[in-house]
Amino acid sequence: MWDREDSQEVGLEAAILERVRNSSLVEWFCADNVVGLKYTAEAAAVNNFFVGWVGERRALL
């Protein structure tokens, strides 16, 4: 028969992958200003990009 993983394990793995993806975004977003960009311009662009994000889930507006 088919070797199936327990659904709880599959759900846990999916949650871990989602957290890793989200933490990668946070690390990238909080990176040092190495190219000398203006923080005010970045903040304005980021506010528009992340509108509707809540916790680890995304709500498209």
PDB file of N, CA and C in Angstrom:
ATOM      1  N   MET A   1       0.848  -1.190   0.000  1.00  0.00           N
ATOM      2  CA  MET A   1       0.000   0.000   0.000  1.00  0.00           C
ATOM      3  C   MET A   1       0.883   1.238   0.000  1.00  0.00           C
ATOM      4  N   TRP A   2       0.214   2.371  -0.141  1.00  0.00           N
ATOM      5  CA  TRP A   2       0.917   3.650  -0.159  1.00  0.00           C
ATOM      6  C   TRP A   2       1.437   3.993   1.232  1.00  0.00           C
ATOM      7  N   ASP A   3       2.619   4.535   1.280  1.00  0.00           N
ATOM      8  CA  ASP A   3       3.203   4.991   2.541  1.00  0.00           C
ATOM      9  C   ASP A   3       2.822   6.457   2.719  1.00  0.00           C
ATOM     10  N   ARG A   4       1.832   6.712   3.575  1.00  0.00           N
ATOM     11  CA  ARG A   4       1.345   8.079   3.774  1.00  0.00           C
ATOM     12  C   ARG A   4       1.867   8.645   5.084  1.00  0.00           C
ATOM     13  N   GLU A   5       2.156   9.957   5.045  1.00  0.00           N
ATOM     14  CA  GLU A   5       2.534  10.634   6.281  1.00  0.00           C
ATOM     15  C   GLU A   5       1.271  10.977   7.053  1.00  0.00           C
ATOM     16  N   ASP A   6       1.394  11.050   8.339  1.00  0.00           N
ATOM     17  CA  ASP A   6       0.294  11.461   9.187  1.00  0.00           C
ATOM     18  C   ASP A   6      -0.090  12.893   8.824  1.00  0.00           C
ATOM     19  N   SER A   7      -1.380  13.191   8.758  1.00  0.00           N
ATOM     20  CA  SER A   7      -1.825  14.527   8.352  1.00  0.00           C
ATOM     21  C   SER A   7      -1.324  15.608   9.306  1.00  0.00           C
ATOM     22  N   GLN A   8      -1.157  15.260  10.572  1.00  0.00           N
ATOM     23  CA  GLN A   8      -0.636  16.232  11.529  1.00  0.00           C
ATOM     24  C   GLN A   8       0.816  16.586  11.194  1.00  0.00           C
ATOM     25  N   GLU A   9       1.602  15.595  10.786  1.00  0.00           N
ATOM     26  CA  GLU A   9       2.985  15.848  10.393  1.00  0.00           C
ATOM     27  C   GLU A   9       3.040  16.721   9.146  1.00  0.00           C
ATOM     28  N   VAL A  10       2.157  16.468   8.202  1.00  0.00           N
ATOM     29  CA  VAL A  10       2.116  17.263   6.978  1.00  0.00           C
ATOM     30  C   VAL A  10       1.754  18.705   7.303  1.00  0.00           C
ATOM     31  N   GLY A  11       0.777  18.891   8.174  1.00  0.00           N
ATOM     32  CA  GLY A  11       0.386  20.240   8.580  1.00  0.00           C
ATOM     33  C   GLY A  11       1.500  20.960   9.307  1.00  0.00           C
ATOM     34  N   LEU A  12       2.215  20.243  10.162  1.00  0.00           N
ATOM     35  CA  LEU A  12       3.335  20.833  10.888  1.00  0.00           C
ATOM     36  C   LEU A  12       4.435  21.250   9.921  1.00  0.00           C
ATOM     37  N   GLU A  13       4.721  20.399   8.957  1.00  0.00           N
ATOM     38  CA  GLU A  13       5.749  20.726   7.972  1.00  0.00           C
ATOM     39  C   GLU A  13       5.357  21.961   7.161  1.00  0.00           C
ATOM     40  N   ALA A  14       4.095  22.048   6.782  1.00  0.00           N
ATOM     41  CA  ALA A  14       3.617  23.213   6.032  1.00  0.00           C
ATOM     42  C   ALA A  14       3.737  24.486   6.865  1.00  0.00           C
ATOM     43  N   ALA A  15       3.414  24.401   8.146  1.00  0.00           N
ATOM     44  CA  ALA A  15       3.519  25.567   9.030  1.00  0.00           C
ATOM     45  C   ALA A  15       4.972  26.004   9.183  1.00  0.00           C
ATOM     46  N   ILE A  16       5.875  25.041   9.299  1.00  0.00           N
ATOM     47  CA  ILE A  16       7.298  25.364   9.428  1.00  0.00           C
ATOM     48  C   ILE A  16       7.799  26.049   8.162  1.00  0.00           C
ATOM     49  N   LEU A  17       7.429  25.523   7.009  1.00  0.00           N
ATOM     50  CA  LEU A  17       7.861  26.129   5.750  1.00  0.00           C
ATOM     51  C   LEU A  17       7.338  27.552   5.610  1.00  0.00           C
ATOM     52  N   GLU A  18       6.091  27.779   6.013  1.00  0.00           N
ATOM     53  CA  GLU A  18       5.518  29.120   5.934  1.00  0.00           C
ATOM     54  C   GLU A  18       6.262  30.079   6.859  1.00  0.00           C
ATOM     55  N   ARG A  19       6.601  29.622   8.051  1.00  0.00           N
ATOM     56  CA  ARG A  19       7.355  30.476   8.982  1.00  0.00           C
ATOM     57  C   ARG A  19       8.734  30.807   8.432  1.00  0.00           C
ATOM     58  N   VAL A  20       9.385  29.834   7.828  1.00  0.00           N
ATOM     59  CA  VAL A  20      10.711  30.076   7.260  1.00  0.00           C
ATOM     60  C   VAL A  20      10.612  31.111   6.153  1.00  0.00           C
ATOM     61  N   ARG A  21       9.602  30.980   5.286  1.00  0.00           N
ATOM     62  CA  ARG A  21       9.415  31.961   4.215  1.00  0.00           C
ATOM     63  C   ARG A  21       9.171  33.343   4.788  1.00  0.00           C
ATOM     64  N   ASN A  22       8.307  33.445   5.781  1.00  0.00           N
ATOM     65  CA  ASN A  22       7.987  34.742   6.375  1.00  0.00           C
ATOM     66  C   ASN A  22       9.189  35.331   7.098  1.00  0.00           C
ATOM     67  N   SER A  23       9.953  34.510   7.799  1.00  0.00           N
ATOM     68  CA  SER A  23      11.120  35.042   8.507  1.00  0.00           C
ATOM     69  C   SER A  23      12.173  35.500   7.514  1.00  0.00           C
ATOM     70  N   SER A  24      12.260  34.854   6.357  1.00  0.00           N
ATOM     71  CA  SER A  24      13.196  35.302   5.334  1.00  0.00           C
ATOM     72  C   SER A  24      12.813  36.687   4.843  1.00  0.00           C
ATOM     73  N   LEU A  25      11.514  36.946   4.698  1.00  0.00           N
ATOM     74  CA  LEU A  25      11.062  38.275   4.295  1.00  0.00           C
ATOM     75  C   LEU A  25      11.424  39.310   5.338  1.00  0.00           C
ATOM     76  N   VAL A  26      11.253  38.968   6.603  1.00  0.00           N
ATOM     77  CA  VAL A  26      11.567  39.905   7.677  1.00  0.00           C
ATOM     78  C   VAL A  26      13.058  40.184   7.705  1.00  0.00           C
ATOM     79  N   GLU A  27      13.885  39.153   7.573  1.00  0.00           N
ATOM     80  CA  GLU A  27      15.328  39.351   7.573  1.00  0.00           C
ATOM     81  C   GLU A  27      15.743  40.229   6.404  1.00  0.00           C
ATOM     82  N   TRP A  28      15.167  39.995   5.215  1.00  0.00           N
ATOM     83  CA  TRP A  28      15.499  40.794   4.045  1.00  0.00           C
ATOM     84  C   TRP A  28      15.061  42.228   4.253  1.00  0.00           C
ATOM     85  N   PHE A  29      13.875  42.414   4.794  1.00  0.00           N
ATOM     86  CA  PHE A  29      13.312  43.734   4.977  1.00  0.00           C
ATOM     87  C   PHE A  29      14.088  44.526   6.018  1.00  0.00           C
ATOM     88  N   CYS A  30      14.629  43.876   7.016  1.00  0.00           N
ATOM     89  CA  CYS A  30      15.344  44.552   8.098  1.00  0.00           C
ATOM     90  C   CYS A  30      16.845  44.620   7.843  1.00  0.00           C
ATOM     91  N   ALA A  31      17.273  44.310   6.650  1.00  0.00           N
ATOM     92  CA  ALA A  31      18.701  44.329   6.340  1.00  0.00           C
ATOM     93  C   ALA A  31      19.257  45.744   6.460  1.00  0.00           C
ATOM     94  N   ASP A  32      20.562  45.823   6.652  1.00  0.00           N
ATOM     95  CA  ASP A  32      21.218  47.126   6.765  1.00  0.00           C
ATOM     96  C   ASP A  32      21.060  47.925   5.478  1.00  0.00           C
ATOM     97  N   ASN A  33      21.124  49.216   5.610  1.00  0.00           N
ATOM     98  CA  ASN A  33      21.007  50.117   4.476  1.00  0.00           C
ATOM     99  C   ASN A  33      22.378  50.223   3.809  1.00  0.00           C
ATOM    100  N   VAL A  34      22.772  49.194   3.083  1.00  0.00           N
ATOM    101  CA  VAL A  34      24.119  49.137   2.525  1.00  0.00           C
ATOM    102  C   VAL A  34      24.275  49.950   1.250  1.00  0.00           C
ATOM    103  N   VAL A  35      23.191  50.260   0.559  1.00  0.00           N
ATOM    104  CA  VAL A  35      23.301  51.011  -0.693  1.00  0.00           C
ATOM    105  C   VAL A  35      22.982  52.483  -0.513  1.00  0.00           C
ATOM    106  N   GLY A  36      22.690  52.918   0.694  1.00  0.00           N
ATOM    107  CA  GLY A  36      22.460  54.331   0.952  1.00  0.00           C
ATOM    108  C   GLY A  36      21.093  54.836   0.538  1.00  0.00           C
ATOM    109  N   LEU A  37      20.096  53.974   0.530  1.00  0.00           N
ATOM    110  CA  LEU A  37      18.749  54.409   0.168  1.00  0.00           C
ATOM    111  C   LEU A  37      18.157  55.266   1.271  1.00  0.00           C
ATOM    112  N   LYS A  38      17.260  56.120   0.903  1.00  0.00           N
ATOM    113  CA  LYS A  38      16.597  56.966   1.891  1.00  0.00           C
ATOM    114  C   LYS A  38      15.533  56.149   2.604  1.00  0.00           C
ATOM    115  N   TYR A  39      15.565  56.162   3.928  1.00  0.00           N
ATOM    116  CA  TYR A  39      14.627  55.357   4.701  1.00  0.00           C
ATOM    117  C   TYR A  39      13.193  55.827   4.518  1.00  0.00           C
ATOM    118  N   THR A  40      12.955  57.120   4.332  1.00  0.00           N
ATOM    119  CA  THR A  40      11.574  57.595   4.181  1.00  0.00           C
ATOM    120  C   THR A  40      10.962  57.074   2.896  1.00  0.00           C
ATOM    121  N   ALA A  41      11.728  57.049   1.827  1.00  0.00           N
ATOM    122  CA  ALA A  41      11.223  56.520   0.559  1.00  0.00           C
ATOM    123  C   ALA A  41      10.949  55.025   0.680  1.00  0.00           C
ATOM    124  N   GLU A  42      11.844  54.310   1.348  1.00  0.00           N
ATOM    125  CA  GLU A  42      11.648  52.873   1.542  1.00  0.00           C
ATOM    126  C   GLU A  42      10.399  52.610   2.372  1.00  0.00           C
ATOM    127  N   ALA A  43      10.216  53.388   3.426  1.00  0.00           N
ATOM    128  CA  ALA A  43       9.067  53.179   4.309  1.00  0.00           C
ATOM    129  C   ALA A  43       7.769  53.402   3.553  1.00  0.00           C
ATOM    130  N   ALA A  44       7.713  54.402   2.701  1.00  0.00           N
ATOM    131  CA  ALA A  44       6.495  54.665   1.931  1.00  0.00           C
ATOM    132  C   ALA A  44       6.203  53.509   0.987  1.00  0.00           C
ATOM    133  N   ALA A  45       7.226  52.992   0.331  1.00  0.00           N
ATOM    134  CA  ALA A  45       7.038  51.881  -0.598  1.00  0.00           C
ATOM    135  C   ALA A  45       6.629  50.619   0.145  1.00  0.00           C
ATOM    136  N   VAL A  46       7.209  50.384   1.289  1.00  0.00           N
ATOM    137  CA  VAL A  46       6.914  49.175   2.055  1.00  0.00           C
ATOM    138  C   VAL A  46       5.498  49.210   2.603  1.00  0.00           C
ATOM    139  N   ASN A  47       5.041  50.352   3.058  1.00  0.00           N
ATOM    140  CA  ASN A  47       3.678  50.447   3.573  1.00  0.00           C
ATOM    141  C   ASN A  47       2.670  50.038   2.513  1.00  0.00           C
ATOM    142  N   ASN A  48       2.889  50.410   1.279  1.00  0.00           N
ATOM    143  CA  ASN A  48       1.980  50.025   0.201  1.00  0.00           C
ATOM    144  C   ASN A  48       2.095  48.543  -0.117  1.00  0.00           C
ATOM    145  N   PHE A  49       3.289  47.988   0.005  1.00  0.00           N
ATOM    146  CA  PHE A  49       3.510  46.588  -0.338  1.00  0.00           C
ATOM    147  C   PHE A  49       2.887  45.640   0.670  1.00  0.00           C
ATOM    148  N   PHE A  50       2.991  45.945   1.952  1.00  0.00           N
ATOM    149  CA  PHE A  50       2.558  45.023   2.989  1.00  0.00           C
ATOM    150  C   PHE A  50       1.156  45.310   3.512  1.00  0.00           C
ATOM    151  N   VAL A  51       0.385  46.124   2.831  1.00  0.00           N
ATOM    152  CA  VAL A  51      -0.984  46.397   3.280  1.00  0.00           C
ATOM    153  C   VAL A  51      -1.765  45.092   3.280  1.00  0.00           C
ATOM    154  N   GLY A  52      -2.425  44.800   4.383  1.00  0.00           N
ATOM    155  CA  GLY A  52      -3.262  43.613   4.445  1.00  0.00           C
ATOM    156  C   GLY A  52      -2.576  42.390   5.025  1.00  0.00           C
ATOM    157  N   TRP A  53      -1.312  42.477   5.398  1.00  0.00           N
ATOM    158  CA  TRP A  53      -0.640  41.322   5.998  1.00  0.00           C
ATOM    159  C   TRP A  53      -0.917  41.317   7.484  1.00  0.00           C
ATOM    160  N   VAL A  54      -1.326  40.155   7.980  1.00  0.00           N
ATOM    161  CA  VAL A  54      -1.625  40.027   9.406  1.00  0.00           C
ATOM    162  C   VAL A  54      -0.920  38.781   9.910  1.00  0.00           C
ATOM    163  N   GLY A  55      -0.021  38.952  10.846  1.00  0.00           N
ATOM    164  CA  GLY A  55       0.689  37.801  11.393  1.00  0.00           C
ATOM    165  C   GLY A  55       1.400  37.035  10.307  1.00  0.00           C
ATOM    166  N   GLU A  56       1.116  35.765  10.186  1.00  0.00           N
ATOM    167  CA  GLU A  56       1.757  34.939   9.177  1.00  0.00           C
ATOM    168  C   GLU A  56       0.847  34.683   7.986  1.00  0.00           C
ATOM    169  N   ARG A  57      -0.296  35.313   7.975  1.00  0.00           N
ATOM    170  CA  ARG A  57      -1.221  35.097   6.869  1.00  0.00           C
ATOM    171  C   ARG A  57      -1.386  36.378   6.084  1.00  0.00           C
ATOM    172  N   ARG A  58      -1.686  36.241   4.832  1.00  0.00           N
ATOM    173  CA  ARG A  58      -1.792  37.391   3.956  1.00  0.00           C
ATOM    174  C   ARG A  58      -3.248  37.562   3.543  1.00  0.00           C
ATOM    175  N   ALA A  59      -3.738  38.779   3.661  1.00  0.00           N
ATOM    176  CA  ALA A  59      -5.091  39.100   3.214  1.00  0.00           C
ATOM    177  C   ALA A  59      -4.965  40.106   2.085  1.00  0.00           C
ATOM    178  N   LEU A  60      -5.280  39.706   0.884  1.00  0.00           N
ATOM    179  CA  LEU A  60      -5.164  40.613  -0.251  1.00  0.00           C
ATOM    180  C   LEU A  60      -6.298  41.617  -0.218  1.00  0.00           C
ATOM    181  N   LEU A  61      -5.928  42.891  -0.309  1.00  0.00           N
ATOM    182  CA  LEU A  61      -6.934  43.959  -0.292  1.00  0.00           C
ATOM    183  C   LEU A  61      -7.077  44.559  -1.658  1.00  0.00           C
TER     184      LEU A  61
END
